[in-house]
PDB file of all heavy atoms in Angstrom:
ATOM      1  N   LEU A   1     134.627  83.996  41.771  1.00  0.00           N
ATOM      2  CA  LEU A   1     134.045  82.723  42.195  1.00  0.00           C
ATOM      3  C   LEU A   1     133.702  82.819  43.670  1.00  0.00           C
ATOM      4  O   LEU A   1     134.455  83.376  44.459  1.00  0.00           O
ATOM      5  CB  LEU A   1     135.025  81.564  41.983  1.00  0.00           C
ATOM      6  CG  LEU A   1     135.554  81.327  40.570  1.00  0.00           C
ATOM      7  CD1 LEU A   1     136.480  80.110  40.557  1.00  0.00           C
ATOM      8  CD2 LEU A   1     134.425  81.136  39.585  1.00  0.00           C
ATOM      9  N   ASP A   2     132.547  82.252  44.041  1.00  0.00           N
ATOM     10  CA  ASP A   2     132.116  82.258  45.440  1.00  0.00           C
ATOM     11  C   ASP A   2     131.725  80.839  45.832  1.00  0.00           C
ATOM     12  O   ASP A   2     130.670  80.342  45.442  1.00  0.00           O
ATOM     13  CB  ASP A   2     130.932  83.206  45.626  1.00  0.00           C
ATOM     14  CG  ASP A   2     130.594  83.443  47.095  1.00  0.00           C
ATOM     15  OD1 ASP A   2     130.982  82.612  47.935  1.00  0.00           O
ATOM     16  OD2 ASP A   2     129.934  84.457  47.390  1.00  0.00           O
ATOM     17  N   ARG A   3     132.587  80.185  46.604  1.00  0.00           N
ATOM     18  CA  ARG A   3     132.368  78.792  46.967  1.00  0.00           C
ATOM     19  C   ARG A   3     131.365  78.626  48.103  1.00  0.00           C
ATOM     20  O   ARG A   3     131.089  77.501  48.513  1.00  0.00           O
ATOM     21  CB  ARG A   3     133.708  78.150  47.327  1.00  0.00           C
ATOM     22  CG  ARG A   3     134.651  78.045  46.135  1.00  0.00           C
ATOM     23  CD  ARG A   3     135.984  77.444  46.522  1.00  0.00           C
ATOM     24  NE  ARG A   3     136.891  77.402  45.384  1.00  0.00           N
ATOM     25  CZ  ARG A   3     136.991  76.382  44.524  1.00  0.00           C
ATOM     26  NH1 ARG A   3     136.211  75.325  44.685  1.00  0.00           N
ATOM     27  NH2 ARG A   3     137.838  76.427  43.523  1.00  0.00           N
ATOM     28  N   ARG A   4     130.809  79.708  48.601  1.00  0.00           N
ATOM     29  CA  ARG A   4     129.798  79.624  49.652  1.00  0.00           C
ATOM     30  C   ARG A   4     128.397  79.455  49.085  1.00  0.00           C
ATOM     31  O   ARG A   4     127.447  79.200  49.825  1.00  0.00           O
ATOM     32  CB  ARG A   4     129.819  80.892  50.500  1.00  0.00           C
ATOM     33  CG  ARG A   4     131.169  81.240  51.114  1.00  0.00           C
ATOM     34  CD  ARG A   4     131.137  82.645  51.680  1.00  0.00           C
ATOM     35  NE  ARG A   4     130.823  83.618  50.655  1.00  0.00           N
ATOM     36  CZ  ARG A   4     130.408  84.865  50.899  1.00  0.00           C
ATOM     37  NH1 ARG A   4     130.258  85.289  52.139  1.00  0.00           N
ATOM     38  NH2 ARG A   4     130.143  85.690  49.898  1.00  0.00           N
ATOM     39  N   MET A   5     128.244  79.631  47.781  1.00  0.00           N
ATOM     40  CA  MET A   5     126.919  79.629  47.162  1.00  0.00           C
ATOM     41  C   MET A   5     126.148  78.357  47.471  1.00  0.00           C
ATOM     42  O   MET A   5     126.691  77.253  47.415  1.00  0.00           O
ATOM     43  CB  MET A   5     127.042  79.756  45.637  1.00  0.00           C
ATOM     44  CG  MET A   5     127.413  81.120  45.151  1.00  0.00           C
ATOM     45  SD  MET A   5     127.457  81.101  43.345  1.00  0.00           S
ATOM     46  CE  MET A   5     127.484  82.847  43.003  1.00  0.00           C
ATOM     47  N   ASN A   6     124.850  78.553  47.750  1.00  0.00           N
ATOM     48  CA  ASN A   6     123.956  77.405  47.905  1.00  0.00           C
ATOM     49  C   ASN A   6     124.522  76.413  48.929  1.00  0.00           C
ATOM     50  O   ASN A   6     124.578  75.211  48.690  1.00  0.00           O
ATOM     51  CB  ASN A   6     123.744  76.723  46.546  1.00  0.00           C
ATOM     52  CG  ASN A   6     122.585  75.759  46.536  1.00  0.00           C
ATOM     53  OD1 ASN A   6     121.683  75.839  47.384  1.00  0.00           O
ATOM     54  ND2 ASN A   6     122.588  74.829  45.590  1.00  0.00           N
ATOM     55  N   ASP A   7     124.950  76.977  50.069  1.00  0.00           N
ATOM     56  CA  ASP A   7     125.546  76.168  51.143  1.00  0.00           C
ATOM     57  C   ASP A   7     126.739  75.354  50.668  1.00  0.00           C
ATOM     58  O   ASP A   7     126.953  74.211  51.087  1.00  0.00           O
ATOM     59  CB  ASP A   7     124.494  75.241  51.769  1.00  0.00           C
ATOM     60  CG  ASP A   7     123.420  76.005  52.519  1.00  0.00           C
ATOM     61  OD1 ASP A   7     123.749  77.057  53.096  1.00  0.00           O
ATOM     62  OD2 ASP A   7     122.266  75.550  52.520  1.00  0.00           O
ATOM     63  N   GLY A   8     127.497  75.951  49.754  1.00  0.00           N
ATOM     64  CA  GLY A   8     128.706  75.302  49.272  1.00  0.00           C
ATOM     65  C   GLY A   8     128.512  74.420  48.054  1.00  0.00           C
ATOM     66  O   GLY A   8     129.486  73.920  47.495  1.00  0.00           O
ATOM     67  N   ALA A   9     127.264  74.242  47.622  1.00  0.00           N
ATOM     68  CA  ALA A   9     126.998  73.381  46.464  1.00  0.00           C
ATOM     69  C   ALA A   9     127.193  74.111  45.145  1.00  0.00           C
ATOM     70  O   ALA A   9     127.241  73.493  44.094  1.00  0.00           O
ATOM     71  CB  ALA A   9     125.588  72.816  46.540  1.00  0.00           C
ATOM     72  N   GLY A  10     127.286  75.428  45.194  1.00  0.00           N
ATOM     73  CA  GLY A  10     127.440  76.193  43.966  1.00  0.00           C
ATOM     74  C   GLY A  10     126.115  76.724  43.460  1.00  0.00           C
ATOM     75  O   GLY A  10     125.092  76.668  44.143  1.00  0.00           O
ATOM     76  N   ASN A  11     126.131  77.258  42.243  1.00  0.00           N
ATOM     77  CA  ASN A  11     124.919  77.808  41.658  1.00  0.00           C
ATOM     78  C   ASN A  11     123.822  76.754  41.589  1.00  0.00           C
ATOM     79  O   ASN A  11     124.034  75.657  41.070  1.00  0.00           O
ATOM     80  CB  ASN A  11     125.197  78.346  40.243  1.00  0.00           C
ATOM     81  CG  ASN A  11     125.958  79.655  40.281  1.00  0.00           C
ATOM     82  OD1 ASN A  11     125.496  80.628  40.848  1.00  0.00           O
ATOM     83  ND2 ASN A  11     127.140  79.672  39.680  1.00  0.00           N
ATOM     84  N   ALA A  12     122.654  77.123  42.071  1.00  0.00           N
ATOM     85  CA  ALA A  12     121.558  76.159  42.151  1.00  0.00           C
ATOM     86  C   ALA A  12     121.114  75.682  40.772  1.00  0.00           C
ATOM     87  O   ALA A  12     120.558  74.593  40.632  1.00  0.00           O
ATOM     88  CB  ALA A  12     120.380  76.783  42.895  1.00  0.00           C
ATOM     89  N   TYR A  13     121.360  76.484  39.733  1.00  0.00           N
ATOM     90  CA  TYR A  13     120.882  76.149  38.399  1.00  0.00           C
ATOM     91  C   TYR A  13     121.926  75.414  37.566  1.00  0.00           C
ATOM     92  O   TYR A  13     121.707  75.133  36.392  1.00  0.00           O
ATOM     93  CB  TYR A  13     120.417  77.414  37.662  1.00  0.00           C
ATOM     94  CG  TYR A  13     121.402  78.555  37.705  1.00  0.00           C
ATOM     95  CD1 TYR A  13     122.413  78.662  36.757  1.00  0.00           C
ATOM     96  CD2 TYR A  13     121.327  79.521  38.694  1.00  0.00           C
ATOM     97  CE1 TYR A  13     123.315  79.689  36.797  1.00  0.00           C
ATOM     98  CE2 TYR A  13     122.230  80.566  38.740  1.00  0.00           C
ATOM     99  CZ  TYR A  13     123.213  80.649  37.794  1.00  0.00           C
ATOM    100  OH  TYR A  13     124.117  81.686  37.840  1.00  0.00           O
ATOM    101  N   ILE A  14     123.081  75.106  38.156  1.00  0.00           N
ATOM    102  CA  ILE A  14     124.122  74.360  37.450  1.00  0.00           C
ATOM    103  C   ILE A  14     124.129  72.916  37.932  1.00  0.00           C
ATOM    104  O   ILE A  14     124.180  72.643  39.124  1.00  0.00           O
ATOM    105  CB  ILE A  14     125.508  74.981  37.694  1.00  0.00           C
ATOM    106  CG1 ILE A  14     125.564  76.402  37.132  1.00  0.00           C
ATOM    107  CG2 ILE A  14     126.597  74.125  37.078  1.00  0.00           C
ATOM    108  CD1 ILE A  14     125.441  76.493  35.642  1.00  0.00           C
ATOM    109  N   ASN A  15     124.081  71.987  36.995  1.00  0.00           N
ATOM    110  CA  ASN A  15     124.154  70.571  37.329  1.00  0.00           C
ATOM    111  C   ASN A  15     125.626  70.181  37.469  1.00  0.00           C
ATOM    112  O   ASN A  15     126.361  70.153  36.483  1.00  0.00           O
ATOM    113  CB  ASN A  15     123.490  69.747  36.221  1.00  0.00           C
ATOM    114  CG  ASN A  15     123.527  68.259  36.483  1.00  0.00           C
ATOM    115  OD1 ASN A  15     124.280  67.775  37.322  1.00  0.00           O
ATOM    116  ND2 ASN A  15     122.705  67.510  35.766  1.00  0.00           N
ATOM    117  N   PRO A  16     126.084  69.875  38.689  1.00  0.00           N
ATOM    118  CA  PRO A  16     127.519  69.579  38.866  1.00  0.00           C
ATOM    119  C   PRO A  16     127.976  68.338  38.130  1.00  0.00           C
ATOM    120  O   PRO A  16     129.168  68.153  37.913  1.00  0.00           O
ATOM    121  CB  PRO A  16     127.659  69.416  40.384  1.00  0.00           C
ATOM    122  CG  PRO A  16     126.288  69.067  40.862  1.00  0.00           C
ATOM    123  CD  PRO A  16     125.345  69.789  39.954  1.00  0.00           C
ATOM    124  N   ASN A  17     127.057  67.474  37.727  1.00  0.00           N
ATOM    125  CA  ASN A  17     127.432  66.281  36.980  1.00  0.00           C
ATOM    126  C   ASN A  17     127.672  66.577  35.504  1.00  0.00           C
ATOM    127  O   ASN A  17     128.162  65.722  34.772  1.00  0.00           O
ATOM    128  CB  ASN A  17     126.341  65.210  37.111  1.00  0.00           C
ATOM    129  CG  ASN A  17     126.213  64.714  38.528  1.00  0.00           C
ATOM    130  OD1 ASN A  17     127.203  64.555  39.227  1.00  0.00           O
ATOM    131  ND2 ASN A  17     124.984  64.491  38.973  1.00  0.00           N
ATOM    132  N   ARG A  18     127.314  67.775  35.078  1.00  0.00           N
ATOM    133  CA  ARG A  18     127.493  68.103  33.661  1.00  0.00           C
ATOM    134  C   ARG A  18     128.400  69.312  33.449  1.00  0.00           C
ATOM    135  O   ARG A  18     129.398  69.218  32.785  1.00  0.00           O
ATOM    136  CB  ARG A  18     126.131  68.360  33.017  1.00  0.00           C
ATOM    137  CG  ARG A  18     125.243  67.128  33.056  1.00  0.00           C
ATOM    138  CD  ARG A  18     124.501  66.926  31.772  1.00  0.00           C
ATOM    139  NE  ARG A  18     123.670  68.066  31.470  1.00  0.00           N
ATOM    140  CZ  ARG A  18     123.724  68.717  30.306  1.00  0.00           C
ATOM    141  NH1 ARG A  18     124.553  68.329  29.380  1.00  0.00           N
ATOM    142  NH2 ARG A  18     122.941  69.737  30.088  1.00  0.00           N
ATOM    143  N   LEU A  19     128.023  70.454  33.997  1.00  0.00           N
ATOM    144  CA  LEU A  19     128.820  71.653  33.743  1.00  0.00           C
ATOM    145  C   LEU A  19     129.591  72.134  34.962  1.00  0.00           C
ATOM    146  O   LEU A  19     130.524  72.901  34.832  1.00  0.00           O
ATOM    147  CB  LEU A  19     127.919  72.790  33.236  1.00  0.00           C
ATOM    148  CG  LEU A  19     127.262  72.529  31.897  1.00  0.00           C
ATOM    149  CD1 LEU A  19     126.459  73.734  31.455  1.00  0.00           C
ATOM    150  CD2 LEU A  19     128.281  72.179  30.838  1.00  0.00           C
ATOM    151  N   GLY A  20     129.194  71.711  36.134  1.00  0.00           N
ATOM    152  CA  GLY A  20     129.874  72.186  37.330  1.00  0.00           C
ATOM    153  C   GLY A  20     130.728  71.099  37.937  1.00  0.00           C
ATOM    154  O   GLY A  20     130.447  69.919  37.808  1.00  0.00           O
ATOM    155  N   ALA A  21     131.790  71.509  38.618  1.00  0.00           N
ATOM    156  CA  ALA A  21     132.657  70.533  39.269  1.00  0.00           C
ATOM    157  C   ALA A  21     133.484  71.250  40.316  1.00  0.00           C
ATOM    158  O   ALA A  21     133.663  72.468  40.269  1.00  0.00           O
ATOM    159  CB  ALA A  21     133.577  69.861  38.253  1.00  0.00           C
ATOM    160  N   GLU A  22     134.003  70.494  41.262  1.00  0.00           N
ATOM    161  CA  GLU A  22     134.876  71.076  42.264  1.00  0.00           C
ATOM    162  C   GLU A  22     136.234  71.438  41.668  1.00  0.00           C
ATOM    163  O   GLU A  22     136.902  72.352  42.136  1.00  0.00           O
ATOM    164  CB  GLU A  22     135.083  70.084  43.418  1.00  0.00           C
ATOM    165  CG  GLU A  22     133.887  69.942  44.330  1.00  0.00           C
ATOM    166  CD  GLU A  22     133.647  71.184  45.174  1.00  0.00           C
ATOM    167  OE1 GLU A  22     134.508  72.072  45.201  1.00  0.00           O
ATOM    168  OE2 GLU A  22     132.579  71.258  45.799  1.00  0.00           O
ATOM    169  N   GLU A  23     136.648  70.705  40.653  1.00  0.00           N
ATOM    170  CA  GLU A  23     137.920  70.964  40.003  1.00  0.00           C
ATOM    171  C   GLU A  23     137.720  70.942  38.498  1.00  0.00           C
ATOM    172  O   GLU A  23     136.718  70.468  37.998  1.00  0.00           O
ATOM    173  CB  GLU A  23     138.962  69.924  40.422  1.00  0.00           C
ATOM    174  CG  GLU A  23     139.281  69.927  41.914  1.00  0.00           C
ATOM    175  CD  GLU A  23     140.296  68.872  42.294  1.00  0.00           C
ATOM    176  OE1 GLU A  23     140.663  68.081  41.396  1.00  0.00           O
ATOM    177  OE2 GLU A  23     140.717  68.835  43.448  1.00  0.00           O
ATOM    178  N   GLY A  24     138.717  71.438  37.785  1.00  0.00           N
ATOM    179  CA  GLY A  24     138.628  71.448  36.333  1.00  0.00           C
ATOM    180  C   GLY A  24     137.870  72.661  35.837  1.00  0.00           C
ATOM    181  O   GLY A  24     137.545  73.587  36.561  1.00  0.00           O
ATOM    182  N   HIS A  25     137.552  72.640  34.544  1.00  0.00           N
ATOM    183  CA  HIS A  25     136.930  73.798  33.914  1.00  0.00           C
ATOM    184  C   HIS A  25     135.560  74.127  34.501  1.00  0.00           C
ATOM    185  O   HIS A  25     135.142  75.277  34.515  1.00  0.00           O
ATOM    186  CB  HIS A  25     136.790  73.563  32.413  1.00  0.00           C
ATOM    187  CG  HIS A  25     138.097  73.383  31.713  1.00  0.00           C
ATOM    188  ND1 HIS A  25     139.240  74.019  32.127  1.00  0.00           N
ATOM    189  CD2 HIS A  25     138.446  72.648  30.634  1.00  0.00           C
ATOM    190  CE1 HIS A  25     140.235  73.690  31.324  1.00  0.00           C
ATOM    191  NE2 HIS A  25     139.778  72.860  30.413  1.00  0.00           N
ATOM    192  N   GLY A  26     134.859  73.115  34.975  1.00  0.00           N
ATOM    193  CA  GLY A  26     133.501  73.331  35.446  1.00  0.00           C
ATOM    194  C   GLY A  26     133.378  74.240  36.641  1.00  0.00           C
ATOM    195  O   GLY A  26     132.304  74.788  36.906  1.00  0.00           O
ATOM    196  N   VAL A  27     134.486  74.445  37.376  1.00  0.00           N
ATOM    197  CA  VAL A  27     134.416  75.279  38.571  1.00  0.00           C
ATOM    198  C   VAL A  27     134.022  76.719  38.211  1.00  0.00           C
ATOM    199  O   VAL A  27     133.390  77.411  38.993  1.00  0.00           O
ATOM    200  CB  VAL A  27     135.758  75.244  39.334  1.00  0.00           C
ATOM    201  CG1 VAL A  27     136.846  76.015  38.606  1.00  0.00           C
ATOM    202  CG2 VAL A  27     135.587  75.769  40.738  1.00  0.00           C
ATOM    203  N   GLY A  28     134.384  77.149  37.008  1.00  0.00           N
ATOM    204  CA  GLY A  28     134.050  78.501  36.576  1.00  0.00           C
ATOM    205  C   GLY A  28     132.558  78.728  36.458  1.00  0.00           C
ATOM    206  O   GLY A  28     132.079  79.853  36.584  1.00  0.00           O
ATOM    207  N   TRP A  29     131.815  77.677  36.170  1.00  0.00           N
ATOM    208  CA  TRP A  29     130.358  77.802  36.087  1.00  0.00           C
ATOM    209  C   TRP A  29     129.703  77.503  37.430  1.00  0.00           C
ATOM    210  O   TRP A  29     128.757  78.159  37.832  1.00  0.00           O
ATOM    211  CB  TRP A  29     129.815  76.853  35.013  1.00  0.00           C
ATOM    212  CG  TRP A  29     130.279  77.235  33.656  1.00  0.00           C
ATOM    213  CD1 TRP A  29     130.095  78.427  33.032  1.00  0.00           C
ATOM    214  CD2 TRP A  29     131.034  76.432  32.752  1.00  0.00           C
ATOM    215  NE1 TRP A  29     130.696  78.426  31.809  1.00  0.00           N
ATOM    216  CE2 TRP A  29     131.271  77.217  31.605  1.00  0.00           C
ATOM    217  CE3 TRP A  29     131.536  75.131  32.814  1.00  0.00           C
ATOM    218  CZ2 TRP A  29     131.979  76.740  30.507  1.00  0.00           C
ATOM    219  CZ3 TRP A  29     132.243  74.655  31.715  1.00  0.00           C
ATOM    220  CH2 TRP A  29     132.456  75.453  30.592  1.00  0.00           C
ATOM    221  N   ARG A  30     130.237  76.503  38.120  1.00  0.00           N
ATOM    222  CA  ARG A  30     129.595  76.090  39.360  1.00  0.00           C
ATOM    223  C   ARG A  30     129.587  77.209  40.395  1.00  0.00           C
ATOM    224  O   ARG A  30     128.610  77.391  41.105  1.00  0.00           O
ATOM    225  CB  ARG A  30     130.310  74.862  39.924  1.00  0.00           C
ATOM    226  CG  ARG A  30     129.692  74.361  41.223  1.00  0.00           C
ATOM    227  CD  ARG A  30     130.252  73.008  41.602  1.00  0.00           C
ATOM    228  NE  ARG A  30     129.636  72.490  42.811  1.00  0.00           N
ATOM    229  CZ  ARG A  30     129.839  71.273  43.292  1.00  0.00           C
ATOM    230  NH1 ARG A  30     130.634  70.450  42.649  1.00  0.00           N
ATOM    231  NH2 ARG A  30     129.262  70.876  44.385  1.00  0.00           N
ATOM    232  N   TYR A  31     130.700  77.949  40.479  1.00  0.00           N
ATOM    233  CA  TYR A  31     130.808  78.971  41.512  1.00  0.00           C
ATOM    234  C   TYR A  31     130.852  80.387  40.956  1.00  0.00           C
ATOM    235  O   TYR A  31     131.137  81.326  41.684  1.00  0.00           O
ATOM    236  CB  TYR A  31     132.067  78.715  42.346  1.00  0.00           C
ATOM    237  CG  TYR A  31     132.014  77.412  43.115  1.00  0.00           C
ATOM    238  CD1 TYR A  31     132.830  76.340  42.765  1.00  0.00           C
ATOM    239  CD2 TYR A  31     131.131  77.248  44.173  1.00  0.00           C
ATOM    240  CE1 TYR A  31     132.775  75.142  43.466  1.00  0.00           C
ATOM    241  CE2 TYR A  31     131.064  76.053  44.871  1.00  0.00           C
ATOM    242  CZ  TYR A  31     131.896  75.008  44.514  1.00  0.00           C
ATOM    243  OH  TYR A  31     131.831  73.824  45.203  1.00  0.00           O
ATOM    244  N   GLY A  32     130.588  80.547  39.663  1.00  0.00           N
ATOM    245  CA  GLY A  32     130.622  81.871  39.061  1.00  0.00           C
ATOM    246  C   GLY A  32     129.650  82.830  39.738  1.00  0.00           C
ATOM    247  O   GLY A  32     128.482  82.529  39.906  1.00  0.00           O
ATOM    248  N   ALA A  33     130.148  83.996  40.158  1.00  0.00           N
ATOM    249  CA  ALA A  33     129.342  84.970  40.880  1.00  0.00           C
ATOM    250  C   ALA A  33     129.325  86.291  40.128  1.00  0.00           C
ATOM    251  O   ALA A  33     130.200  86.575  39.312  1.00  0.00           O
ATOM    252  CB  ALA A  33     129.902  85.178  42.287  1.00  0.00           C
ATOM    253  N   CYS A  34     128.330  87.115  40.427  1.00  0.00           N
ATOM    254  CA  CYS A  34     128.184  88.423  39.782  1.00  0.00           C
ATOM    255  C   CYS A  34     129.055  89.433  40.523  1.00  0.00           C
ATOM    256  O   CYS A  34     128.671  89.944  41.583  1.00  0.00           O
ATOM    257  CB  CYS A  34     126.718  88.842  39.793  1.00  0.00           C
ATOM    258  SG  CYS A  34     126.403  90.410  38.946  1.00  0.00           S
ATOM    259  N   PHE A  35     130.206  89.725  39.987  1.00  0.00           N
ATOM    260  CA  PHE A  35     131.178  90.606  40.626  1.00  0.00           C
ATOM    261  C   PHE A  35     130.559  91.924  41.072  1.00  0.00           C
ATOM    262  O   PHE A  35     130.833  92.421  42.164  1.00  0.00           O
ATOM    263  CB  PHE A  35     132.327  90.863  39.641  1.00  0.00           C
ATOM    264  CG  PHE A  35     133.333  91.878  40.096  1.00  0.00           C
ATOM    265  CD1 PHE A  35     134.345  91.515  40.973  1.00  0.00           C
ATOM    266  CD2 PHE A  35     133.279  93.182  39.639  1.00  0.00           C
ATOM    267  CE1 PHE A  35     135.291  92.448  41.396  1.00  0.00           C
ATOM    268  CE2 PHE A  35     134.217  94.121  40.049  1.00  0.00           C
ATOM    269  CZ  PHE A  35     135.231  93.756  40.929  1.00  0.00           C
ATOM    270  N   TYR A  36     129.696  92.488  40.243  1.00  0.00           N
ATOM    271  CA  TYR A  36     129.160  93.824  40.503  1.00  0.00           C
ATOM    272  C   TYR A  36     128.258  93.861  41.732  1.00  0.00           C
ATOM    273  O   TYR A  36     128.058  94.919  42.325  1.00  0.00           O
ATOM    274  CB  TYR A  36     128.382  94.310  39.280  1.00  0.00           C
ATOM    275  CG  TYR A  36     129.097  94.054  37.980  1.00  0.00           C
ATOM    276  CD1 TYR A  36     128.607  93.137  37.045  1.00  0.00           C
ATOM    277  CD2 TYR A  36     130.286  94.707  37.679  1.00  0.00           C
ATOM    278  CE1 TYR A  36     129.277  92.899  35.863  1.00  0.00           C
ATOM    279  CE2 TYR A  36     130.964  94.474  36.492  1.00  0.00           C
ATOM    280  CZ  TYR A  36     130.459  93.559  35.585  1.00  0.00           C
ATOM    281  OH  TYR A  36     131.128  93.319  34.418  1.00  0.00           O
ATOM    282  N   GLU A  37     127.708  92.727  42.114  1.00  0.00           N
ATOM    283  CA  GLU A  37     126.778  92.694  43.234  1.00  0.00           C
ATOM    284  C   GLU A  37     127.470  92.636  44.599  1.00  0.00           C
ATOM    285  O   GLU A  37     126.794  92.628  45.625  1.00  0.00           O
ATOM    286  CB  GLU A  37     125.838  91.496  43.092  1.00  0.00           C
ATOM    287  CG  GLU A  37     124.898  91.616  41.912  1.00  0.00           C
ATOM    288  CD  GLU A  37     123.929  90.462  41.816  1.00  0.00           C
ATOM    289  OE1 GLU A  37     124.303  89.331  42.187  1.00  0.00           O
ATOM    290  OE2 GLU A  37     122.794  90.691  41.362  1.00  0.00           O
ATOM    291  N   TYR A  38     128.802  92.636  44.617  1.00  0.00           N
ATOM    292  CA  TYR A  38     129.534  92.511  45.870  1.00  0.00           C
ATOM    293  C   TYR A  38     129.934  93.869  46.449  1.00  0.00           C
ATOM    294  O   TYR A  38     130.701  93.945  47.400  1.00  0.00           O
ATOM    295  CB  TYR A  38     130.742  91.597  45.688  1.00  0.00           C
ATOM    296  CG  TYR A  38     130.343  90.138  45.640  1.00  0.00           C
ATOM    297  CD1 TYR A  38     129.524  89.624  44.634  1.00  0.00           C
ATOM    298  CD2 TYR A  38     130.757  89.253  46.630  1.00  0.00           C
ATOM    299  CE1 TYR A  38     129.139  88.300  44.612  1.00  0.00           C
ATOM    300  CE2 TYR A  38     130.381  87.916  46.610  1.00  0.00           C
ATOM    301  CZ  TYR A  38     129.567  87.456  45.597  1.00  0.00           C
ATOM    302  OH  TYR A  38     129.176  86.135  45.576  1.00  0.00           O
ATOM    303  N   PHE A  39     129.392  94.944  45.872  1.00  0.00           N
ATOM    304  CA  PHE A  39     129.675  96.297  46.321  1.00  0.00           C
ATOM    305  C   PHE A  39     128.475  96.880  47.071  1.00  0.00           C
ATOM    306  O   PHE A  39     127.349  96.397  46.923  1.00  0.00           O
ATOM    307  CB  PHE A  39     129.974  97.198  45.113  1.00  0.00           C
ATOM    308  CG  PHE A  39     131.261  96.871  44.414  1.00  0.00           C
ATOM    309  CD1 PHE A  39     131.301  95.896  43.420  1.00  0.00           C
ATOM    310  CD2 PHE A  39     132.431  97.537  44.743  1.00  0.00           C
ATOM    311  CE1 PHE A  39     132.490  95.601  42.768  1.00  0.00           C
ATOM    312  CE2 PHE A  39     133.622  97.235  44.097  1.00  0.00           C
ATOM    313  CZ  PHE A  39     133.651  96.277  43.119  1.00  0.00           C
ATOM    314  N   PRO A  40     128.687  97.958  47.854  1.00  0.00           N
ATOM    315  CA  PRO A  40     127.552  98.666  48.444  1.00  0.00           C
ATOM    316  C   PRO A  40     126.592  99.163  47.369  1.00  0.00           C
ATOM    317  O   PRO A  40     126.961  99.301  46.193  1.00  0.00           O
ATOM    318  CB  PRO A  40     128.217  99.832  49.189  1.00  0.00           C
ATOM    319  CG  PRO A  40     129.608  99.366  49.454  1.00  0.00           C
ATOM    320  CD  PRO A  40     129.982  98.504  48.275  1.00  0.00           C
ATOM    321  N   ALA A  41     125.380  99.482  47.761  1.00  0.00           N
ATOM    322  CA  ALA A  41     124.281  99.721  46.819  1.00  0.00           C
ATOM    323  C   ALA A  41     124.605 100.747  45.741  1.00  0.00           C
ATOM    324  O   ALA A  41     124.330 100.520  44.558  1.00  0.00           O
ATOM    325  CB  ALA A  41     123.032 100.136  47.595  1.00  0.00           C
ATOM    326  N   GLU A  42     125.194 101.876  46.110  1.00  0.00           N
ATOM    327  CA  GLU A  42     125.423 102.931  45.125  1.00  0.00           C
ATOM    328  C   GLU A  42     126.367 102.466  44.027  1.00  0.00           C
ATOM    329  O   GLU A  42     126.106 102.656  42.828  1.00  0.00           O
ATOM    330  CB  GLU A  42     125.976 104.176  45.814  1.00  0.00           C
ATOM    331  CG  GLU A  42     126.192 105.337  44.851  1.00  0.00           C
ATOM    332  CD  GLU A  42     126.706 106.592  45.560  1.00  0.00           C
ATOM    333  OE1 GLU A  42     126.860 106.554  46.798  1.00  0.00           O
ATOM    334  OE2 GLU A  42     126.960 107.601  44.866  1.00  0.00           O
ATOM    335  N   THR A  43     127.481 101.855  44.413  1.00  0.00           N
ATOM    336  CA  THR A  43     128.438 101.366  43.420  1.00  0.00           C
ATOM    337  C   THR A  43     127.864 100.189  42.651  1.00  0.00           C
ATOM    338  O   THR A  43     128.008 100.099  41.426  1.00  0.00           O
ATOM    339  CB  THR A  43     129.748 100.945  44.108  1.00  0.00           C
ATOM    340  OG1 THR A  43     130.265 102.050  44.839  1.00  0.00           O
ATOM    341  CG2 THR A  43     130.768 100.482  43.089  1.00  0.00           C
ATOM    342  N   ARG A  44     127.214  99.261  43.360  1.00  0.00           N
ATOM    343  CA  ARG A  44     126.599  98.104  42.706  1.00  0.00           C
ATOM    344  C   ARG A  44     125.635  98.552  41.614  1.00  0.00           C
ATOM    345  O   ARG A  44     125.707  98.075  40.469  1.00  0.00           O
ATOM    346  CB  ARG A  44     125.851  97.273  43.749  1.00  0.00           C
ATOM    347  CG  ARG A  44     125.085  96.075  43.163  1.00  0.00           C
ATOM    348  CD  ARG A  44     124.077  95.565  44.164  1.00  0.00           C
ATOM    349  NE  ARG A  44     123.030  96.556  44.406  1.00  0.00           N
ATOM    350  CZ  ARG A  44     122.349  96.680  45.542  1.00  0.00           C
ATOM    351  NH1 ARG A  44     122.633  95.899  46.571  1.00  0.00           N
ATOM    352  NH2 ARG A  44     121.428  97.598  45.661  1.00  0.00           N
ATOM    353  N   ASP A  45     124.745  99.465  41.930  1.00  0.00           N
ATOM    354  CA  ASP A  45     123.743  99.897  40.957  1.00  0.00           C
ATOM    355  C   ASP A  45     124.388 100.616  39.778  1.00  0.00           C
ATOM    356  O   ASP A  45     123.926 100.484  38.632  1.00  0.00           O
ATOM    357  CB  ASP A  45     122.715 100.796  41.628  1.00  0.00           C
ATOM    358  CG  ASP A  45     121.865 100.055  42.656  1.00  0.00           C
ATOM    359  OD1 ASP A  45     121.887  98.808  42.642  1.00  0.00           O
ATOM    360  OD2 ASP A  45     121.198 100.725  43.469  1.00  0.00           O
TER     361      ASP A  45
END
């Protein structure tokens, strides 16, 4: 999870009033990040 996304608002394509939330189950969608993209280029690819 990355709470910095979209200036802290979370994934831009998730509606926080429906699937995203600061707390509860929705946090997994609101701030869900692609783990593999957090590595340097060789490992990421």
